[in-house]
Amino acid sequence: ALVGRVEQKLAAKGIKDTTKLVVISDHGFTDFGQKAHLNRWLQEHGYLTAKTAVSQGSFSDVDWSQTQAYGIGLNSLYLNLSGREGKGIVQAGEQENLLNKLCDELLQWEAPNGQPVVNKVWRNKDVFDGPLSAYGPDVMVGFAPGFRASSQTGLGGWEANAVEPNADHWGADHCIDPNAVPGVLFCSHGLGNFPNPSYRDIPMLTIGSKPDASGSAPPPTSSGTESDEVIEERLKSLGYL
């Protein structure tokens, strides 16, 4: 529908036949029939402890004095780290072994039907850098196709089962292992030689090429000091500092 509207506008200006239309996507898309409740999985494996046995819960139900890790956000897992979290219990010397154990067990997570729930996991040090990387998740969870973190996980909550069928209105997106929903970079360079170019032609044009940035100004840089101050105040207001 969108492409049709663009073509109509081009036709109205009399330039449709002489205009090359390129469509790009920064990521793929797929459906997910199963919801993964990461915080329920953490409970079942002894990493997160609730104050009382509840089938549904949120961070207000967590016994932080007995909790080593928690999930919030669609793919993010954090250690309850002493000195960073307000009620952190994991000491710096325990961090490495705990992360290794968590990552190993996440990769063994299976749905009731035996399907793997997680394709891949990434440690913070493998995907983040810069002065604010310490505020990023300790583990990024790449869910397998067909699975995605539940909306409850996104807010720090959980349900009765670690995996359940997805009956929500939201049934598809790209928040899984990025290798399973790759984006595609299209380049219009050289399209003049293609009278009727297809998106299948464009990747071939870029093989062996390097982007030409000679006419582009470098992006502005920042020390990050301002952002650090904003984040620090936010963490203080939440009781983490």
C-alpha atoms as a PDB file:
ATOM      1  CA  ALA A   1       0.000   0.000   0.000  1.00  0.00           C
ATOM      2  CA  LEU A   2       2.784   2.439   0.890  1.00  0.00           C
ATOM      3  CA  VAL A   3       4.720   1.668  -2.295  1.00  0.00           C
ATOM      4  CA  GLY A   4       1.528   2.204  -4.275  1.00  0.00           C
ATOM      5  CA  ARG A   5       0.989   5.628  -2.731  1.00  0.00           C
ATOM      6  CA  VAL A   6       4.576   6.619  -3.513  1.00  0.00           C
ATOM      7  CA  GLU A   7       4.135   5.489  -7.119  1.00  0.00           C
ATOM      8  CA  GLN A   8       0.934   7.522  -7.382  1.00  0.00           C
ATOM      9  CA  LYS A   9       2.754  10.660  -6.220  1.00  0.00           C
ATOM     10  CA  LEU A  10       5.559  10.043  -8.709  1.00  0.00           C
ATOM     11  CA  ALA A  11       3.033   9.505 -11.490  1.00  0.00           C
ATOM     12  CA  ALA A  12       1.241  12.737 -10.559  1.00  0.00           C
ATOM     13  CA  LYS A  13       4.528  14.582 -11.044  1.00  0.00           C
ATOM     14  CA  GLY A  14       5.174  12.793 -14.325  1.00  0.00           C
ATOM     15  CA  ILE A  15       8.407  11.185 -13.153  1.00  0.00           C
ATOM     16  CA  LYS A  16       7.319   7.642 -12.320  1.00  0.00           C
ATOM     17  CA  ASP A  17       8.915   6.100 -15.424  1.00  0.00           C
ATOM     18  CA  THR A  18      12.273   7.781 -14.826  1.00  0.00           C
ATOM     19  CA  THR A  19      12.525   7.241 -11.069  1.00  0.00           C
ATOM     20  CA  LYS A  20      14.176   4.241  -9.439  1.00  0.00           C
ATOM     21  CA  LEU A  21      12.357   3.223  -6.263  1.00  0.00           C
ATOM     22  CA  VAL A  22      14.484   1.504  -3.635  1.00  0.00           C
ATOM     23  CA  VAL A  23      12.959  -0.200  -0.584  1.00  0.00           C
ATOM     24  CA  ILE A  24      15.134  -1.019   2.413  1.00  0.00           C
ATOM     25  CA  SER A  25      14.698  -2.608   5.827  1.00  0.00           C
ATOM     26  CA  ASP A  26      16.947  -2.326   8.878  1.00  0.00           C
ATOM     27  CA  HIS A  27      15.728  -5.630  10.305  1.00  0.00           C
ATOM     28  CA  GLY A  28      13.650  -8.663   9.499  1.00  0.00           C
ATOM     29  CA  PHE A  29      10.320  -9.734  10.948  1.00  0.00           C
ATOM     30  CA  THR A  30       8.805 -12.973  12.152  1.00  0.00           C
ATOM     31  CA  ASP A  31       5.915 -14.285  14.179  1.00  0.00           C
ATOM     32  CA  PHE A  32       6.203 -15.824  17.625  1.00  0.00           C
ATOM     33  CA  GLY A  33       3.727 -18.402  18.839  1.00  0.00           C
ATOM     34  CA  GLN A  34       5.286 -18.782  22.281  1.00  0.00           C
ATOM     35  CA  LYS A  35       5.972 -16.258  25.038  1.00  0.00           C
ATOM     36  CA  ALA A  36       9.001 -16.726  27.277  1.00  0.00           C
ATOM     37  CA  HIS A  37       8.772 -15.509  30.867  1.00  0.00           C
ATOM     38  CA  LEU A  38      12.431 -14.996  31.680  1.00  0.00           C
ATOM     39  CA  ASN A  39      11.842 -14.153  35.347  1.00  0.00           C
ATOM     40  CA  ARG A  40       9.851 -17.362  35.852  1.00  0.00           C
ATOM     41  CA  TRP A  41      12.722 -19.303  34.306  1.00  0.00           C
ATOM     42  CA  LEU A  42      15.140 -17.531  36.663  1.00  0.00           C
ATOM     43  CA  GLN A  43      12.956 -18.575  39.599  1.00  0.00           C
ATOM     44  CA  GLU A  44      12.845 -22.181  38.467  1.00  0.00           C
ATOM     45  CA  HIS A  45      16.635 -22.239  38.266  1.00  0.00           C
ATOM     46  CA  GLY A  46      17.244 -20.575  41.614  1.00  0.00           C
ATOM     47  CA  TYR A  47      18.464 -17.185  40.390  1.00  0.00           C
ATOM     48  CA  LEU A  48      15.411 -15.148  41.416  1.00  0.00           C
ATOM     49  CA  THR A  49      13.423 -15.619  44.624  1.00  0.00           C
ATOM     50  CA  ALA A  50       9.926 -14.328  45.315  1.00  0.00           C
ATOM     51  CA  LYS A  51       8.848 -13.289  48.807  1.00  0.00           C
ATOM     52  CA  THR A  52       5.935 -15.710  48.576  1.00  0.00           C
ATOM     53  CA  ALA A  53       4.908 -18.338  46.051  1.00  0.00           C
ATOM     54  CA  VAL A  54       2.825 -16.436  43.506  1.00  0.00           C
ATOM     55  CA  SER A  55       1.819 -17.485  39.996  1.00  0.00           C
ATOM     56  CA  GLN A  56       1.998 -13.895  38.773  1.00  0.00           C
ATOM     57  CA  GLY A  57       4.408 -11.316  40.062  1.00  0.00           C
ATOM     58  CA  SER A  58       6.528  -8.238  39.579  1.00  0.00           C
ATOM     59  CA  PHE A  59       9.625  -6.656  41.101  1.00  0.00           C
ATOM     60  CA  SER A  60       7.639  -5.694  44.213  1.00  0.00           C
ATOM     61  CA  ASP A  61       7.254  -9.430  44.906  1.00  0.00           C
ATOM     62  CA  VAL A  62      10.992 -10.185  44.644  1.00  0.00           C
ATOM     63  CA  ASP A  63      13.139 -11.017  47.669  1.00  0.00           C
ATOM     64  CA  TRP A  64      16.224  -9.142  46.554  1.00  0.00           C
ATOM     65  CA  SER A  65      18.301 -10.491  49.430  1.00  0.00           C
ATOM     66  CA  GLN A  66      18.008 -13.931  47.797  1.00  0.00           C
ATOM     67  CA  THR A  67      18.074 -12.911  44.129  1.00  0.00           C
ATOM     68  CA  GLN A  68      21.134 -13.147  41.892  1.00  0.00           C
ATOM     69  CA  ALA A  69      19.654 -12.122  38.540  1.00  0.00           C
ATOM     70  CA  TYR A  70      16.549 -10.580  37.030  1.00  0.00           C
ATOM     71  CA  GLY A  71      15.111  -9.800  33.620  1.00  0.00           C
ATOM     72  CA  ILE A  72      13.649  -6.529  32.410  1.00  0.00           C
ATOM     73  CA  GLY A  73      13.267  -5.384  28.830  1.00  0.00           C
ATOM     74  CA  LEU A  74      12.630  -7.785  25.979  1.00  0.00           C
ATOM     75  CA  ASN A  75      16.096  -9.321  25.747  1.00  0.00           C
ATOM     76  CA  SER A  76      17.953  -8.052  28.798  1.00  0.00           C
ATOM     77  CA  LEU A  77      19.187  -9.914  31.855  1.00  0.00           C
ATOM     78  CA  TYR A  78      20.963  -8.228  34.756  1.00  0.00           C
ATOM     79  CA  LEU A  79      22.889  -9.492  37.740  1.00  0.00           C
ATOM     80  CA  ASN A  80      21.777  -8.183  41.124  1.00  0.00           C
ATOM     81  CA  LEU A  81      25.231  -6.731  41.526  1.00  0.00           C
ATOM     82  CA  SER A  82      26.470  -5.371  44.833  1.00  0.00           C
ATOM     83  CA  GLY A  83      27.426  -1.715  44.497  1.00  0.00           C
ATOM     84  CA  ARG A  84      25.321  -1.225  41.362  1.00  0.00           C
ATOM     85  CA  GLU A  85      21.832  -2.412  42.248  1.00  0.00           C
ATOM     86  CA  GLY A  86      20.197  -0.907  45.332  1.00  0.00           C
ATOM     87  CA  LYS A  87      19.953  -4.287  47.071  1.00  0.00           C
ATOM     88  CA  GLY A  88      22.645  -6.126  45.155  1.00  0.00           C
ATOM     89  CA  ILE A  89      24.095  -9.317  46.591  1.00  0.00           C
ATOM     90  CA  VAL A  90      26.383 -10.617  43.824  1.00  0.00           C
ATOM     91  CA  GLN A  91      29.990  -9.719  44.606  1.00  0.00           C
ATOM     92  CA  ALA A  92      32.413  -8.706  41.871  1.00  0.00           C
ATOM     93  CA  GLY A  93      34.449 -11.872  42.399  1.00  0.00           C
ATOM     94  CA  GLU A  94      31.358 -14.026  41.789  1.00  0.00           C
ATOM     95  CA  GLN A  95      30.288 -12.276  38.620  1.00  0.00           C
ATOM     96  CA  GLU A  96      32.289 -14.223  36.041  1.00  0.00           C
ATOM     97  CA  ASN A  97      31.334 -17.718  37.206  1.00  0.00           C
ATOM     98  CA  LEU A  98      27.701 -16.717  37.646  1.00  0.00           C
ATOM     99  CA  LEU A  99      27.491 -15.262  34.139  1.00  0.00           C
ATOM    100  CA  ASN A 100      29.073 -18.373  32.632  1.00  0.00           C
ATOM    101  CA  LYS A 101      26.582 -20.591  34.456  1.00  0.00           C
ATOM    102  CA  LEU A 102      23.620 -18.436  33.457  1.00  0.00           C
ATOM    103  CA  CYS A 103      24.617 -18.379  29.800  1.00  0.00           C
ATOM    104  CA  ASP A 104      25.180 -22.137  29.698  1.00  0.00           C
ATOM    105  CA  GLU A 105      21.787 -22.861  31.240  1.00  0.00           C
ATOM    106  CA  LEU A 106      19.934 -20.363  29.057  1.00  0.00           C
ATOM    107  CA  LEU A 107      21.203 -22.194  25.986  1.00  0.00           C
ATOM    108  CA  GLN A 108      19.731 -25.416  27.424  1.00  0.00           C
ATOM    109  CA  TRP A 109      16.281 -23.906  27.987  1.00  0.00           C
ATOM    110  CA  GLU A 110      13.627 -25.971  26.231  1.00  0.00           C
ATOM    111  CA  ALA A 111       9.910 -25.457  25.737  1.00  0.00           C
ATOM    112  CA  PRO A 112       7.497 -28.202  26.852  1.00  0.00           C
ATOM    113  CA  ASN A 113       7.572 -29.579  23.290  1.00  0.00           C
ATOM    114  CA  GLY A 114      11.369 -29.870  23.389  1.00  0.00           C
ATOM    115  CA  GLN A 115      12.135 -26.903  21.152  1.00  0.00           C
ATOM    116  CA  PRO A 116      15.087 -24.721  22.174  1.00  0.00           C
ATOM    117  CA  VAL A 117      13.893 -21.359  23.487  1.00  0.00           C
ATOM    118  CA  VAL A 118      17.202 -19.508  23.137  1.00  0.00           C
ATOM    119  CA  ASN A 119      19.437 -19.435  20.063  1.00  0.00           C
ATOM    120  CA  LYS A 120      22.322 -17.425  21.416  1.00  0.00           C
ATOM    121  CA  VAL A 121      23.438 -15.279  24.341  1.00  0.00           C
ATOM    122  CA  TRP A 122      25.867 -12.370  24.446  1.00  0.00           C
ATOM    123  CA  ARG A 123      27.809 -11.014  27.389  1.00  0.00           C
ATOM    124  CA  ASN A 124      27.903  -7.255  27.932  1.00  0.00           C
ATOM    125  CA  LYS A 125      31.587  -7.107  27.042  1.00  0.00           C
ATOM    126  CA  ASP A 126      30.881  -8.757  23.682  1.00  0.00           C
ATOM    127  CA  VAL A 127      28.324  -6.227  22.431  1.00  0.00           C
ATOM    128  CA  PHE A 128      28.784  -2.941  24.297  1.00  0.00           C
ATOM    129  CA  ASP A 129      31.641  -0.501  24.671  1.00  0.00           C
ATOM    130  CA  GLY A 130      32.101   3.099  25.706  1.00  0.00           C
ATOM    131  CA  PRO A 131      31.671   4.979  28.987  1.00  0.00           C
ATOM    132  CA  LEU A 132      28.038   3.923  29.502  1.00  0.00           C
ATOM    133  CA  SER A 133      28.428   0.209  28.794  1.00  0.00           C
ATOM    134  CA  ALA A 134      28.348  -0.587  32.515  1.00  0.00           C
ATOM    135  CA  TYR A 135      24.693   0.467  32.543  1.00  0.00           C
ATOM    136  CA  GLY A 136      23.806  -2.035  29.837  1.00  0.00           C
ATOM    137  CA  PRO A 137      22.447  -5.534  30.484  1.00  0.00           C
ATOM    138  CA  ASP A 138      24.905  -8.162  31.641  1.00  0.00           C
ATOM    139  CA  VAL A 139      23.461 -10.683  29.184  1.00  0.00           C
ATOM    140  CA  MET A 140      21.529 -10.185  25.955  1.00  0.00           C
ATOM    141  CA  VAL A 141      19.223 -13.116  25.213  1.00  0.00           C
ATOM    142  CA  GLY A 142      18.727 -14.061  21.560  1.00  0.00           C
ATOM    143  CA  PHE A 143      15.470 -15.995  21.521  1.00  0.00           C
ATOM    144  CA  ALA A 144      14.940 -18.696  18.919  1.00  0.00           C
ATOM    145  CA  PRO A 145      12.442 -18.170  16.070  1.00  0.00           C
ATOM    146  CA  GLY A 146       8.941 -18.802  17.363  1.00  0.00           C
ATOM    147  CA  PHE A 147       9.749 -17.445  20.819  1.00  0.00           C
ATOM    148  CA  ARG A 148       9.984 -13.964  22.264  1.00  0.00           C
ATOM    149  CA  ALA A 149      10.179 -12.468  25.730  1.00  0.00           C
ATOM    150  CA  SER A 150       6.729 -11.816  27.129  1.00  0.00           C
ATOM    151  CA  SER A 151       5.418  -8.321  27.702  1.00  0.00           C
ATOM    152  CA  GLN A 152       5.494  -9.163  31.414  1.00  0.00           C
ATOM    153  CA  THR A 153       9.235  -9.791  31.157  1.00  0.00           C
ATOM    154  CA  GLY A 154       9.627  -6.385  29.554  1.00  0.00           C
ATOM    155  CA  LEU A 155       8.291  -4.820  32.761  1.00  0.00           C
ATOM    156  CA  GLY A 156      10.053  -7.166  35.177  1.00  0.00           C
ATOM    157  CA  GLY A 157       7.100  -9.480  35.754  1.00  0.00           C
ATOM    158  CA  TRP A 158       6.299 -13.145  35.272  1.00  0.00           C
ATOM    159  CA  GLU A 159       3.468 -15.649  34.898  1.00  0.00           C
ATOM    160  CA  ALA A 160       2.899 -19.198  36.113  1.00  0.00           C
ATOM    161  CA  ASN A 161       4.906 -20.965  33.398  1.00  0.00           C
ATOM    162  CA  ALA A 162       8.265 -20.158  31.861  1.00  0.00           C
ATOM    163  CA  VAL A 163       6.810 -20.687  28.371  1.00  0.00           C
ATOM    164  CA  GLU A 164       3.206 -20.307  27.271  1.00  0.00           C
ATOM    165  CA  PRO A 165       1.308 -19.940  23.977  1.00  0.00           C
ATOM    166  CA  ASN A 166       1.083 -16.392  22.705  1.00  0.00           C
ATOM    167  CA  ALA A 167      -2.561 -15.385  22.445  1.00  0.00           C
ATOM    168  CA  ASP A 168      -1.874 -11.641  22.559  1.00  0.00           C
ATOM    169  CA  HIS A 169      -2.822  -9.238  19.775  1.00  0.00           C
ATOM    170  CA  TRP A 170       0.894  -8.629  19.208  1.00  0.00           C
ATOM    171  CA  GLY A 171       2.051 -11.738  17.419  1.00  0.00           C
ATOM    172  CA  ALA A 172       5.144 -10.772  15.438  1.00  0.00           C
ATOM    173  CA  ASP A 173       8.209  -8.530  15.563  1.00  0.00           C
ATOM    174  CA  HIS A 174      12.013  -8.727  15.351  1.00  0.00           C
ATOM    175  CA  CYS A 175      13.025  -8.944  19.043  1.00  0.00           C
ATOM    176  CA  ILE A 176      14.748 -12.315  18.828  1.00  0.00           C
ATOM    177  CA  ASP A 177      18.203 -13.537  17.823  1.00  0.00           C
ATOM    178  CA  PRO A 178      19.207 -10.895  15.245  1.00  0.00           C
ATOM    179  CA  ASN A 179      20.874 -13.567  13.130  1.00  0.00           C
ATOM    180  CA  ALA A 180      17.412 -15.038  12.527  1.00  0.00           C
ATOM    181  CA  VAL A 181      15.891 -11.729  11.391  1.00  0.00           C
ATOM    182  CA  PRO A 182      18.739  -9.954   9.600  1.00  0.00           C
ATOM    183  CA  GLY A 183      18.394  -6.516   8.129  1.00  0.00           C
ATOM    184  CA  VAL A 184      19.416  -5.844   4.544  1.00  0.00           C
ATOM    185  CA  LEU A 185      21.517  -2.935   3.329  1.00  0.00           C
ATOM    186  CA  PHE A 186      20.600  -1.829  -0.187  1.00  0.00           C
ATOM    187  CA  CYS A 187      22.690   0.579  -2.224  1.00  0.00           C
ATOM    188  CA  SER A 188      21.342   2.504  -5.208  1.00  0.00           C
ATOM    189  CA  HIS A 189      24.829   2.938  -6.751  1.00  0.00           C
ATOM    190  CA  GLY A 190      24.911   1.484 -10.239  1.00  0.00           C
ATOM    191  CA  LEU A 191      21.171   1.199 -10.689  1.00  0.00           C
ATOM    192  CA  GLY A 192      21.450   3.184 -13.928  1.00  0.00           C
ATOM    193  CA  ASN A 193      22.582  -0.025 -15.632  1.00  0.00           C
ATOM    194  CA  PHE A 194      19.444  -1.872 -14.576  1.00  0.00           C
ATOM    195  CA  PRO A 195      16.315  -0.883 -16.537  1.00  0.00           C
ATOM    196  CA  ASN A 196      14.076  -2.807 -14.124  1.00  0.00           C
ATOM    197  CA  PRO A 197      16.130  -3.362 -10.964  1.00  0.00           C
ATOM    198  CA  SER A 198      15.077  -5.869  -8.356  1.00  0.00           C
ATOM    199  CA  TYR A 199      16.153  -5.824  -4.726  1.00  0.00           C
ATOM    200  CA  ARG A 200      17.907  -9.115  -5.521  1.00  0.00           C
ATOM    201  CA  ASP A 201      20.283  -7.220  -7.822  1.00  0.00           C
ATOM    202  CA  ILE A 202      21.354  -4.583  -5.333  1.00  0.00           C
ATOM    203  CA  PRO A 203      23.433  -6.666  -2.864  1.00  0.00           C
ATOM    204  CA  MET A 204      25.561  -7.887  -5.773  1.00  0.00           C
ATOM    205  CA  LEU A 205      26.433  -4.276  -6.585  1.00  0.00           C
ATOM    206  CA  THR A 206      27.902  -3.710  -3.133  1.00  0.00           C
ATOM    207  CA  ILE A 207      30.223  -6.728  -3.006  1.00  0.00           C
ATOM    208  CA  GLY A 208      33.784  -5.504  -2.791  1.00  0.00           C
ATOM    209  CA  SER A 209      32.663  -1.896  -2.441  1.00  0.00           C
ATOM    210  CA  LYS A 210      33.330   0.521   0.382  1.00  0.00           C
ATOM    211  CA  PRO A 211      31.001   3.360   1.394  1.00  0.00           C
ATOM    212  CA  ASP A 212      32.093   6.734   0.041  1.00  0.00           C
ATOM    213  CA  ALA A 213      31.943   9.196   2.919  1.00  0.00           C
ATOM    214  CA  SER A 214      34.018  11.890   1.231  1.00  0.00           C
ATOM    215  CA  GLY A 215      31.056  14.208   0.931  1.00  0.00           C
ATOM    216  CA  SER A 216      29.748  13.611   4.429  1.00  0.00           C
ATOM    217  CA  ALA A 217      30.578  15.566   7.549  1.00  0.00           C
ATOM    218  CA  PRO A 218      31.692  13.476  10.533  1.00  0.00           C
ATOM    219  CA  PRO A 219      28.997  13.017  13.185  1.00  0.00           C
ATOM    220  CA  PRO A 220      29.197  15.246  16.255  1.00  0.00           C
ATOM    221  CA  THR A 221      31.033  13.758  19.205  1.00  0.00           C
ATOM    222  CA  SER A 222      30.329  14.113  22.891  1.00  0.00           C
ATOM    223  CA  SER A 223      32.246  13.274  26.026  1.00  0.00           C
ATOM    224  CA  GLY A 224      29.083  11.768  27.473  1.00  0.00           C
ATOM    225  CA  THR A 225      29.439  13.853  30.654  1.00  0.00           C
ATOM    226  CA  GLU A 226      25.943  15.268  30.347  1.00  0.00           C
ATOM    227  CA  SER A 227      24.441  11.811  29.864  1.00  0.00           C
ATOM    228  CA  ASP A 228      26.421  10.453  32.810  1.00  0.00           C
ATOM    229  CA  GLU A 229      24.980  13.144  35.061  1.00  0.00           C
ATOM    230  CA  VAL A 230      21.423  12.505  33.916  1.00  0.00           C
ATOM    231  CA  ILE A 231      21.787   8.756  34.428  1.00  0.00           C
ATOM    232  CA  GLU A 232      23.390   9.227  37.841  1.00  0.00           C
ATOM    233  CA  GLU A 233      20.509  11.413  39.031  1.00  0.00           C
ATOM    234  CA  ARG A 234      18.007   8.895  37.710  1.00  0.00           C
ATOM    235  CA  LEU A 235      19.736   6.017  39.511  1.00  0.00           C
ATOM    236  CA  LYS A 236      19.827   8.042  42.735  1.00  0.00           C
ATOM    237  CA  SER A 237      16.099   8.735  42.512  1.00  0.00           C
ATOM    238  CA  LEU A 238      15.482   4.997  42.132  1.00  0.00           C
ATOM    239  CA  GLY A 239      17.623   4.184  45.144  1.00  0.00           C
ATOM    240  CA  TYR A 240      20.412   2.443  43.258  1.00  0.00           C
ATOM    241  CA  LEU A 241      23.091   4.972  44.264  1.00  0.00           C
END
